[in-house]
């Protein structure tokens, strides 16, 4: 029954979409935890390198998953979404560099 449900392309796209949303939420939460200014340090404030790596992996894997999905399904709309996400991520990285400079 589960395999039959996952063979439907719309259901599978929703699963992929929710997974990518979860990755972006994890990246946001870790990044927010690293910048928290409370007295008690969080795990990601003590281990900034681990937090940075986790944030970047979650952040960059989302467009990669969507790109692979667009190749797998030959869906042009998903490919357009990937291009938009990459533009947003590039702007975010450039803005972050200007903010710290």
PDB file of N, CA and C in Angstrom:
ATOM      1  N   UNK A   1       0.820  -1.193   0.000  1.00  0.00           N
ATOM      2  CA  UNK A   1       0.000   0.000   0.000  1.00  0.00           C
ATOM      3  C   UNK A   1       0.869   1.263   0.000  1.00  0.00           C
ATOM      4  N   UNK A   2       1.922   1.257   0.821  1.00  0.00           N
ATOM      5  CA  UNK A   2       2.805   2.419   0.895  1.00  0.00           C
ATOM      6  C   UNK A   2       3.552   2.628  -0.419  1.00  0.00           C
ATOM      7  N   UNK A   3       4.035   1.532  -1.009  1.00  0.00           N
ATOM      8  CA  UNK A   3       4.734   1.646  -2.296  1.00  0.00           C
ATOM      9  C   UNK A   3       3.800   2.120  -3.393  1.00  0.00           C
ATOM     10  N   UNK A   4       2.556   1.682  -3.334  1.00  0.00           N
ATOM     11  CA  UNK A   4       1.573   2.125  -4.314  1.00  0.00           C
ATOM     12  C   UNK A   4       1.310   3.621  -4.178  1.00  0.00           C
ATOM     13  N   UNK A   5       1.272   4.081  -2.934  1.00  0.00           N
ATOM     14  CA  UNK A   5       1.044   5.501  -2.676  1.00  0.00           C
ATOM     15  C   UNK A   5       2.235   6.337  -3.135  1.00  0.00           C
ATOM     16  N   UNK A   6       3.458   5.839  -2.862  1.00  0.00           N
ATOM     17  CA  UNK A   6       4.658   6.583  -3.248  1.00  0.00           C
ATOM     18  C   UNK A   6       4.916   6.547  -4.752  1.00  0.00           C
ATOM     19  N   UNK A   7       4.310   5.616  -5.456  1.00  0.00           N
ATOM     20  CA  UNK A   7       4.501   5.580  -6.906  1.00  0.00           C
ATOM     21  C   UNK A   7       3.744   6.712  -7.599  1.00  0.00           C
ATOM     22  N   UNK A   8       2.761   7.287  -6.922  1.00  0.00           N
ATOM     23  CA  UNK A   8       2.045   8.437  -7.470  1.00  0.00           C
ATOM     24  C   UNK A   8       2.977   9.649  -7.425  1.00  0.00           C
ATOM     25  N   UNK A   9       3.133  10.319  -8.562  1.00  0.00           N
ATOM     26  CA  UNK A   9       4.101  11.415  -8.658  1.00  0.00           C
ATOM     27  C   UNK A   9       3.728  12.611  -7.790  1.00  0.00           C
ATOM     28  N   UNK A  10       2.451  12.916  -7.667  1.00  0.00           N
ATOM     29  CA  UNK A  10       2.037  14.056  -6.846  1.00  0.00           C
ATOM     30  C   UNK A  10       2.340  13.817  -5.374  1.00  0.00           C
ATOM     31  N   UNK A  11       2.091  12.601  -4.912  1.00  0.00           N
ATOM     32  CA  UNK A  11       2.371  12.268  -3.516  1.00  0.00           C
ATOM     33  C   UNK A  11       3.870  12.321  -3.267  1.00  0.00           C
ATOM     34  N   UNK A  12       4.637  11.775  -4.188  1.00  0.00           N
ATOM     35  CA  UNK A  12       6.093  11.779  -4.033  1.00  0.00           C
ATOM     36  C   UNK A  12       6.640  13.202  -4.031  1.00  0.00           C
ATOM     37  N   UNK A  13       6.088  14.074  -4.870  1.00  0.00           N
ATOM     38  CA  UNK A  13       6.548  15.456  -4.874  1.00  0.00           C
ATOM     39  C   UNK A  13       6.247  16.123  -3.535  1.00  0.00           C
ATOM     40  N   UNK A  14       5.106  15.824  -2.950  1.00  0.00           N
ATOM     41  CA  UNK A  14       4.783  16.396  -1.638  1.00  0.00           C
ATOM     42  C   UNK A  14       5.744  15.907  -0.572  1.00  0.00           C
ATOM     43  N   UNK A  15       6.134  14.643  -0.638  1.00  0.00           N
ATOM     44  CA  UNK A  15       7.107  14.105   0.317  1.00  0.00           C
ATOM     45  C   UNK A  15       8.444  14.818   0.153  1.00  0.00           C
ATOM     46  N   UNK A  16       8.891  14.984  -1.079  1.00  0.00           N
ATOM     47  CA  UNK A  16      10.154  15.682  -1.345  1.00  0.00           C
ATOM     48  C   UNK A  16      10.063  17.134  -0.886  1.00  0.00           C
ATOM     49  N   UNK A  17       8.944  17.775  -1.161  1.00  0.00           N
ATOM     50  CA  UNK A  17       8.736  19.174  -0.778  1.00  0.00           C
ATOM     51  C   UNK A  17       8.775  19.340   0.740  1.00  0.00           C
ATOM     52  N   UNK A  18       8.107  18.458   1.474  1.00  0.00           N
ATOM     53  CA  UNK A  18       8.105  18.533   2.943  1.00  0.00           C
ATOM     54  C   UNK A  18       9.503  18.272   3.483  1.00  0.00           C
ATOM     55  N   UNK A  19      10.233  17.315   2.889  1.00  0.00           N
ATOM     56  CA  UNK A  19      11.595  17.028   3.327  1.00  0.00           C
ATOM     57  C   UNK A  19      12.506  18.240   3.117  1.00  0.00           C
ATOM     58  N   UNK A  20      12.382  18.897   1.974  1.00  0.00           N
ATOM     59  CA  UNK A  20      13.193  20.089   1.700  1.00  0.00           C
ATOM     60  C   UNK A  20      12.821  21.228   2.642  1.00  0.00           C
ATOM     61  N   UNK A  21      11.547  21.373   2.927  1.00  0.00           N
ATOM     62  CA  UNK A  21      11.117  22.399   3.876  1.00  0.00           C
ATOM     63  C   UNK A  21      11.698  22.120   5.258  1.00  0.00           C
ATOM     64  N   UNK A  22      11.745  20.846   5.649  1.00  0.00           N
ATOM     65  CA  UNK A  22      12.337  20.485   6.935  1.00  0.00           C
ATOM     66  C   UNK A  22      13.828  20.819   6.959  1.00  0.00           C
ATOM     67  N   UNK A  23      14.530  20.577   5.855  1.00  0.00           N
ATOM     68  CA  UNK A  23      15.955  20.920   5.792  1.00  0.00           C
ATOM     69  C   UNK A  23      16.173  22.423   5.941  1.00  0.00           C
ATOM     70  N   UNK A  24      15.332  23.215   5.271  1.00  0.00           N
ATOM     71  CA  UNK A  24      15.459  24.669   5.393  1.00  0.00           C
ATOM     72  C   UNK A  24      15.131  25.135   6.807  1.00  0.00           C
ATOM     73  N   UNK A  25      14.157  24.505   7.439  1.00  0.00           N
ATOM     74  CA  UNK A  25      13.810  24.860   8.813  1.00  0.00           C
ATOM     75  C   UNK A  25      14.951  24.524   9.764  1.00  0.00           C
ATOM     76  N   UNK A  26      15.607  23.380   9.559  1.00  0.00           N
ATOM     77  CA  UNK A  26      16.759  23.013  10.389  1.00  0.00           C
ATOM     78  C   UNK A  26      17.878  24.029  10.202  1.00  0.00           C
ATOM     79  N   UNK A  27      18.144  24.422   8.953  1.00  0.00           N
ATOM     80  CA  UNK A  27      19.189  25.412   8.691  1.00  0.00           C
ATOM     81  C   UNK A  27      18.869  26.729   9.387  1.00  0.00           C
ATOM     82  N   UNK A  28      17.614  27.147   9.321  1.00  0.00           N
ATOM     83  CA  UNK A  28      17.199  28.394   9.974  1.00  0.00           C
ATOM     84  C   UNK A  28      17.344  28.287  11.494  1.00  0.00           C
ATOM     85  N   UNK A  29      16.911  27.164  12.064  1.00  0.00           N
ATOM     86  CA  UNK A  29      16.965  26.998  13.519  1.00  0.00           C
ATOM     87  C   UNK A  29      18.404  26.960  14.026  1.00  0.00           C
ATOM     88  N   UNK A  30      19.273  26.271  13.316  1.00  0.00           N
ATOM     89  CA  UNK A  30      20.678  26.202  13.732  1.00  0.00           C
ATOM     90  C   UNK A  30      21.327  27.574  13.616  1.00  0.00           C
ATOM     91  N   UNK A  31      21.060  28.268  12.527  1.00  0.00           N
ATOM     92  CA  UNK A  31      21.626  29.602  12.334  1.00  0.00           C
ATOM     93  C   UNK A  31      21.132  30.555  13.417  1.00  0.00           C
ATOM     94  N   UNK A  32      19.863  30.452  13.748  1.00  0.00           N
ATOM     95  CA  UNK A  32      19.274  31.299  14.792  1.00  0.00           C
ATOM     96  C   UNK A  32      19.876  30.966  16.159  1.00  0.00           C
ATOM     97  N   UNK A  33      20.112  29.687  16.404  1.00  0.00           N
ATOM     98  CA  UNK A  33      20.698  29.253  17.669  1.00  0.00           C
ATOM     99  C   UNK A  33      22.130  29.757  17.808  1.00  0.00           C
ATOM    100  N   UNK A  34      22.856  29.825  16.693  1.00  0.00           N
ATOM    101  CA  UNK A  34      24.236  30.307  16.747  1.00  0.00           C
ATOM    102  C   UNK A  34      24.292  31.798  17.054  1.00  0.00           C
ATOM    103  N   UNK A  35      23.281  32.550  16.626  1.00  0.00           N
ATOM    104  CA  UNK A  35      23.286  33.998  16.810  1.00  0.00           C
ATOM    105  C   UNK A  35      22.558  34.435  18.076  1.00  0.00           C
ATOM    106  N   UNK A  36      22.073  33.483  18.870  1.00  0.00           N
ATOM    107  CA  UNK A  36      21.335  33.794  20.086  1.00  0.00           C
ATOM    108  C   UNK A  36      22.258  34.492  21.081  1.00  0.00           C
ATOM    109  N   UNK A  37      21.777  35.534  21.744  1.00  0.00           N
ATOM    110  CA  UNK A  37      22.634  36.324  22.627  1.00  0.00           C
ATOM    111  C   UNK A  37      22.324  36.093  24.108  1.00  0.00           C
ATOM    112  N   UNK A  38      21.683  34.982  24.445  1.00  0.00           N
ATOM    113  CA  UNK A  38      21.376  34.691  25.844  1.00  0.00           C
ATOM    114  C   UNK A  38      22.652  34.343  26.595  1.00  0.00           C
ATOM    115  N   UNK A  39      22.558  34.392  27.937  1.00  0.00           N
ATOM    116  CA  UNK A  39      23.733  34.099  28.756  1.00  0.00           C
ATOM    117  C   UNK A  39      24.192  32.655  28.606  1.00  0.00           C
ATOM    118  N   UNK A  40      23.257  31.730  28.650  1.00  0.00           N
ATOM    119  CA  UNK A  40      23.622  30.321  28.540  1.00  0.00           C
ATOM    120  C   UNK A  40      23.896  29.999  27.082  1.00  0.00           C
ATOM    121  N   UNK A  41      25.099  29.516  26.839  1.00  0.00           N
ATOM    122  CA  UNK A  41      25.468  29.217  25.458  1.00  0.00           C
ATOM    123  C   UNK A  41      24.807  27.923  24.999  1.00  0.00           C
ATOM    124  N   UNK A  42      24.330  27.941  23.774  1.00  0.00           N
ATOM    125  CA  UNK A  42      23.755  26.737  23.195  1.00  0.00           C
ATOM    126  C   UNK A  42      24.876  25.884  22.607  1.00  0.00           C
ATOM    127  N   UNK A  43      24.525  24.668  22.207  1.00  0.00           N
ATOM    128  CA  UNK A  43      25.505  23.755  21.626  1.00  0.00           C
ATOM    129  C   UNK A  43      26.159  24.365  20.392  1.00  0.00           C
ATOM    130  N   UNK A  44      25.361  25.022  19.565  1.00  0.00           N
ATOM    131  CA  UNK A  44      25.896  25.553  18.312  1.00  0.00           C
ATOM    132  C   UNK A  44      26.676  26.843  18.516  1.00  0.00           C
ATOM    133  N   UNK A  45      26.533  27.493  19.672  1.00  0.00           N
ATOM    134  CA  UNK A  45      27.396  28.636  19.966  1.00  0.00           C
ATOM    135  C   UNK A  45      28.765  28.148  20.411  1.00  0.00           C
ATOM    136  N   UNK A  46      28.793  27.044  21.139  1.00  0.00           N
ATOM    137  CA  UNK A  46      30.079  26.485  21.562  1.00  0.00           C
ATOM    138  C   UNK A  46      30.807  25.827  20.395  1.00  0.00           C
ATOM    139  N   UNK A  47      30.061  25.240  19.499  1.00  0.00           N
ATOM    140  CA  UNK A  47      30.647  24.526  18.362  1.00  0.00           C
ATOM    141  C   UNK A  47      30.187  25.200  17.070  1.00  0.00           C
ATOM    142  N   UNK A  48      30.720  26.373  16.807  1.00  0.00           N
ATOM    143  CA  UNK A  48      30.282  27.163  15.652  1.00  0.00           C
ATOM    144  C   UNK A  48      30.572  26.456  14.329  1.00  0.00           C
ATOM    145  N   UNK A  49      31.670  25.733  14.265  1.00  0.00           N
ATOM    146  CA  UNK A  49      32.024  25.056  13.016  1.00  0.00           C
ATOM    147  C   UNK A  49      30.970  23.996  12.666  1.00  0.00           C
ATOM    148  N   UNK A  50      30.534  23.241  13.667  1.00  0.00           N
ATOM    149  CA  UNK A  50      29.502  22.221  13.422  1.00  0.00           C
ATOM    150  C   UNK A  50      28.199  22.878  12.985  1.00  0.00           C
ATOM    151  N   UNK A  51      27.847  23.981  13.613  1.00  0.00           N
ATOM    152  CA  UNK A  51      26.628  24.691  13.241  1.00  0.00           C
ATOM    153  C   UNK A  51      26.696  25.261  11.844  1.00  0.00           C
ATOM    154  N   UNK A  52      27.858  25.800  11.491  1.00  0.00           N
ATOM    155  CA  UNK A  52      28.033  26.360  10.151  1.00  0.00           C
ATOM    156  C   UNK A  52      27.950  25.269   9.088  1.00  0.00           C
ATOM    157  N   UNK A  53      28.597  24.138   9.346  1.00  0.00           N
ATOM    158  CA  UNK A  53      28.565  23.030   8.387  1.00  0.00           C
ATOM    159  C   UNK A  53      27.142  22.499   8.237  1.00  0.00           C
ATOM    160  N   UNK A  54      26.439  22.309   9.350  1.00  0.00           N
ATOM    161  CA  UNK A  54      25.070  21.802   9.288  1.00  0.00           C
ATOM    162  C   UNK A  54      24.152  22.765   8.544  1.00  0.00           C
ATOM    163  N   UNK A  55      24.326  24.062   8.801  1.00  0.00           N
ATOM    164  CA  UNK A  55      23.514  25.059   8.111  1.00  0.00           C
ATOM    165  C   UNK A  55      23.760  25.019   6.609  1.00  0.00           C
ATOM    166  N   UNK A  56      25.025  24.978   6.209  1.00  0.00           N
ATOM    167  CA  UNK A  56      25.342  24.984   4.776  1.00  0.00           C
ATOM    168  C   UNK A  56      24.891  23.703   4.085  1.00  0.00           C
ATOM    169  N   UNK A  57      25.038  22.569   4.764  1.00  0.00           N
ATOM    170  CA  UNK A  57      24.598  21.304   4.162  1.00  0.00           C
ATOM    171  C   UNK A  57      23.091  21.319   3.946  1.00  0.00           C
ATOM    172  N   UNK A  58      22.344  21.741   4.956  1.00  0.00           N
ATOM    173  CA  UNK A  58      20.880  21.798   4.814  1.00  0.00           C
ATOM    174  C   UNK A  58      20.470  22.836   3.780  1.00  0.00           C
ATOM    175  N   UNK A  59      21.173  23.959   3.768  1.00  0.00           N
ATOM    176  CA  UNK A  59      20.821  25.060   2.878  1.00  0.00           C
ATOM    177  C   UNK A  59      21.071  24.708   1.415  1.00  0.00           C
ATOM    178  N   UNK A  60      22.199  24.058   1.141  1.00  0.00           N
ATOM    179  CA  UNK A  60      22.560  23.775  -0.246  1.00  0.00           C
ATOM    180  C   UNK A  60      22.010  22.448  -0.756  1.00  0.00           C
ATOM    181  N   UNK A  61      21.604  21.557   0.143  1.00  0.00           N
ATOM    182  CA  UNK A  61      21.056  20.287  -0.330  1.00  0.00           C
ATOM    183  C   UNK A  61      19.639  20.442  -0.866  1.00  0.00           C
ATOM    184  N   UNK A  62      18.930  21.470  -0.404  1.00  0.00           N
ATOM    185  CA  UNK A  62      17.555  21.665  -0.871  1.00  0.00           C
ATOM    186  C   UNK A  62      17.489  21.930  -2.374  1.00  0.00           C
ATOM    187  N   UNK A  63      18.249  22.898  -2.931  1.00  0.00           N
ATOM    188  CA  UNK A  63      18.194  23.068  -4.390  1.00  0.00           C
ATOM    189  C   UNK A  63      18.714  21.848  -5.144  1.00  0.00           C
ATOM    190  N   UNK A  64      19.674  21.140  -4.548  1.00  0.00           N
ATOM    191  CA  UNK A  64      20.194  19.943  -5.199  1.00  0.00           C
ATOM    192  C   UNK A  64      19.111  18.868  -5.304  1.00  0.00           C
ATOM    193  N   UNK A  65      18.341  18.702  -4.240  1.00  0.00           N
ATOM    194  CA  UNK A  65      17.252  17.722  -4.265  1.00  0.00           C
ATOM    195  C   UNK A  65      16.208  18.115  -5.303  1.00  0.00           C
ATOM    196  N   UNK A  66      15.851  19.406  -5.329  1.00  0.00           N
ATOM    197  CA  UNK A  66      14.882  19.859  -6.327  1.00  0.00           C
ATOM    198  C   UNK A  66      15.425  19.700  -7.747  1.00  0.00           C
ATOM    199  N   UNK A  67      16.720  19.933  -7.938  1.00  0.00           N
ATOM    200  CA  UNK A  67      17.330  19.780  -9.258  1.00  0.00           C
ATOM    201  C   UNK A  67      17.265  18.321  -9.716  1.00  0.00           C
ATOM    202  N   UNK A  68      17.608  17.411  -8.808  1.00  0.00           N
ATOM    203  CA  UNK A  68      17.528  15.992  -9.150  1.00  0.00           C
ATOM    204  C   UNK A  68      16.087  15.576  -9.433  1.00  0.00           C
ATOM    205  N   UNK A  69      15.165  16.165  -8.666  1.00  0.00           N
ATOM    206  CA  UNK A  69      13.750  15.865  -8.901  1.00  0.00           C
ATOM    207  C   UNK A  69      13.316  16.350 -10.285  1.00  0.00           C
ATOM    208  N   UNK A  70      13.778  17.532 -10.688  1.00  0.00           N
ATOM    209  CA  UNK A  70      13.390  18.057 -12.001  1.00  0.00           C
ATOM    210  C   UNK A  70      13.963  17.206 -13.129  1.00  0.00           C
ATOM    211  N   UNK A  71      15.153  16.647 -12.928  1.00  0.00           N
ATOM    212  CA  UNK A  71      15.724  15.747 -13.935  1.00  0.00           C
ATOM    213  C   UNK A  71      14.937  14.438 -13.974  1.00  0.00           C
ATOM    214  N   UNK A  72      14.610  13.920 -12.793  1.00  0.00           N
ATOM    215  CA  UNK A  72      13.904  12.646 -12.693  1.00  0.00           C
ATOM    216  C   UNK A  72      12.518  12.712 -13.327  1.00  0.00           C
ATOM    217  N   UNK A  73      11.813  13.804 -13.106  1.00  0.00           N
ATOM    218  CA  UNK A  73      10.440  13.915 -13.606  1.00  0.00           C
ATOM    219  C   UNK A  73      10.335  14.707 -14.904  1.00  0.00           C
ATOM    220  N   UNK A  74      11.436  15.299 -15.341  1.00  0.00           N
ATOM    221  CA  UNK A  74      11.439  16.160 -16.534  1.00  0.00           C
ATOM    222  C   UNK A  74      10.406  17.275 -16.401  1.00  0.00           C
ATOM    223  N   UNK A  75      10.397  17.887 -15.213  1.00  0.00           N
ATOM    224  CA  UNK A  75       9.428  18.942 -14.900  1.00  0.00           C
ATOM    225  C   UNK A  75      10.133  20.290 -14.971  1.00  0.00           C
ATOM    226  N   UNK A  76       9.720  21.145 -15.894  1.00  0.00           N
ATOM    227  CA  UNK A  76      10.350  22.450 -16.069  1.00  0.00           C
ATOM    228  C   UNK A  76      10.021  23.424 -14.958  1.00  0.00           C
ATOM    229  N   UNK A  77       8.857  23.275 -14.344  1.00  0.00           N
ATOM    230  CA  UNK A  77       8.457  24.189 -13.277  1.00  0.00           C
ATOM    231  C   UNK A  77       9.347  24.014 -12.049  1.00  0.00           C
ATOM    232  N   UNK A  78       9.700  22.782 -11.733  1.00  0.00           N
ATOM    233  CA  UNK A  78      10.594  22.541 -10.604  1.00  0.00           C
ATOM    234  C   UNK A  78      11.975  23.096 -10.910  1.00  0.00           C
ATOM    235  N   UNK A  79      12.421  22.982 -12.157  1.00  0.00           N
ATOM    236  CA  UNK A  79      13.725  23.528 -12.534  1.00  0.00           C
ATOM    237  C   UNK A  79      13.747  25.045 -12.363  1.00  0.00           C
ATOM    238  N   UNK A  80      12.653  25.709 -12.702  1.00  0.00           N
ATOM    239  CA  UNK A  80      12.550  27.154 -12.485  1.00  0.00           C
ATOM    240  C   UNK A  80      12.635  27.483 -11.003  1.00  0.00           C
ATOM    241  N   UNK A  81      12.012  26.659 -10.170  1.00  0.00           N
ATOM    242  CA  UNK A  81      12.090  26.843  -8.720  1.00  0.00           C
ATOM    243  C   UNK A  81      13.531  26.723  -8.239  1.00  0.00           C
ATOM    244  N   UNK A  82      14.271  25.764  -8.785  1.00  0.00           N
ATOM    245  CA  UNK A  82      15.676  25.577  -8.405  1.00  0.00           C
ATOM    246  C   UNK A  82      16.494  26.809  -8.753  1.00  0.00           C
ATOM    247  N   UNK A  83      16.295  27.350  -9.938  1.00  0.00           N
ATOM    248  CA  UNK A  83      17.038  28.544 -10.352  1.00  0.00           C
ATOM    249  C   UNK A  83      16.728  29.708  -9.413  1.00  0.00           C
ATOM    250  N   UNK A  84      15.463  29.891  -9.079  1.00  0.00           N
ATOM    251  CA  UNK A  84      15.084  30.968  -8.149  1.00  0.00           C
ATOM    252  C   UNK A  84      15.716  30.760  -6.775  1.00  0.00           C
ATOM    253  N   UNK A  85      15.714  29.506  -6.291  1.00  0.00           N
ATOM    254  CA  UNK A  85      16.313  29.223  -4.983  1.00  0.00           C
ATOM    255  C   UNK A  85      17.807  29.520  -4.996  1.00  0.00           C
ATOM    256  N   UNK A  86      18.492  29.161  -6.070  1.00  0.00           N
ATOM    257  CA  UNK A  86      19.930  29.432  -6.152  1.00  0.00           C
ATOM    258  C   UNK A  86      20.214  30.928  -6.178  1.00  0.00           C
ATOM    259  N   UNK A  87      19.367  31.701  -6.849  1.00  0.00           N
ATOM    260  CA  UNK A  87      19.534  33.156  -6.854  1.00  0.00           C
ATOM    261  C   UNK A  87      19.340  33.711  -5.446  1.00  0.00           C
ATOM    262  N   UNK A  88      18.325  33.226  -4.741  1.00  0.00           N
ATOM    263  CA  UNK A  88      18.068  33.691  -3.371  1.00  0.00           C
ATOM    264  C   UNK A  88      19.222  33.315  -2.455  1.00  0.00           C
ATOM    265  N   UNK A  89      19.736  32.085  -2.578  1.00  0.00           N
ATOM    266  CA  UNK A  89      20.848  31.649  -1.731  1.00  0.00           C
ATOM    267  C   UNK A  89      22.095  32.475  -2.021  1.00  0.00           C
ATOM    268  N   UNK A  90      22.370  32.749  -3.291  1.00  0.00           N
ATOM    269  CA  UNK A  90      23.530  33.566  -3.649  1.00  0.00           C
ATOM    270  C   UNK A  90      23.408  34.965  -3.064  1.00  0.00           C
ATOM    271  N   UNK A  91      22.226  35.551  -3.163  1.00  0.00           N
ATOM    272  CA  UNK A  91      22.017  36.875  -2.572  1.00  0.00           C
ATOM    273  C   UNK A  91      22.165  36.833  -1.060  1.00  0.00           C
ATOM    274  N   UNK A  92      21.700  35.764  -0.436  1.00  0.00           N
ATOM    275  CA  UNK A  92      21.819  35.622   1.017  1.00  0.00           C
ATOM    276  C   UNK A  92      23.287  35.548   1.427  1.00  0.00           C
ATOM    277  N   UNK A  93      24.074  34.787   0.675  1.00  0.00           N
ATOM    278  CA  UNK A  93      25.499  34.660   0.997  1.00  0.00           C
ATOM    279  C   UNK A  93      26.208  35.993   0.793  1.00  0.00           C
ATOM    280  N   UNK A  94      25.933  36.680  -0.296  1.00  0.00           N
ATOM    281  CA  UNK A  94      26.568  37.976  -0.544  1.00  0.00           C
ATOM    282  C   UNK A  94      26.155  38.996   0.504  1.00  0.00           C
ATOM    283  N   UNK A  95      24.886  38.985   0.913  1.00  0.00           N
ATOM    284  CA  UNK A  95      24.422  39.904   1.945  1.00  0.00           C
ATOM    285  C   UNK A  95      25.082  39.587   3.280  1.00  0.00           C
ATOM    286  N   UNK A  96      25.260  38.301   3.578  1.00  0.00           N
ATOM    287  CA  UNK A  96      25.912  37.909   4.826  1.00  0.00           C
ATOM    288  C   UNK A  96      27.360  38.354   4.871  1.00  0.00           C
ATOM    289  N   UNK A  97      28.043  38.330   3.728  1.00  0.00           N
ATOM    290  CA  UNK A  97      29.430  38.786   3.682  1.00  0.00           C
ATOM    291  C   UNK A  97      29.506  40.293   3.894  1.00  0.00           C
ATOM    292  N   UNK A  98      28.567  41.031   3.316  1.00  0.00           N
ATOM    293  CA  UNK A  98      28.560  42.486   3.494  1.00  0.00           C
ATOM    294  C   UNK A  98      28.229  42.853   4.936  1.00  0.00           C
ATOM    295  N   UNK A  99      27.356  42.064   5.564  1.00  0.00           N
ATOM    296  CA  UNK A  99      26.932  42.350   6.924  1.00  0.00           C
ATOM    297  C   UNK A  99      28.080  42.170   7.912  1.00  0.00           C
ATOM    298  N   UNK A 100      28.929  41.152   7.694  1.00  0.00           N
ATOM    299  CA  UNK A 100      30.031  40.897   8.610  1.00  0.00           C
ATOM    300  C   UNK A 100      31.235  41.777   8.322  1.00  0.00           C
ATOM    301  N   UNK A 101      31.315  42.345   7.136  1.00  0.00           N
ATOM    302  CA  UNK A 101      32.477  43.170   6.774  1.00  0.00           C
ATOM    303  C   UNK A 101      32.431  44.524   7.446  1.00  0.00           C
TER     304      UNK A 101
END
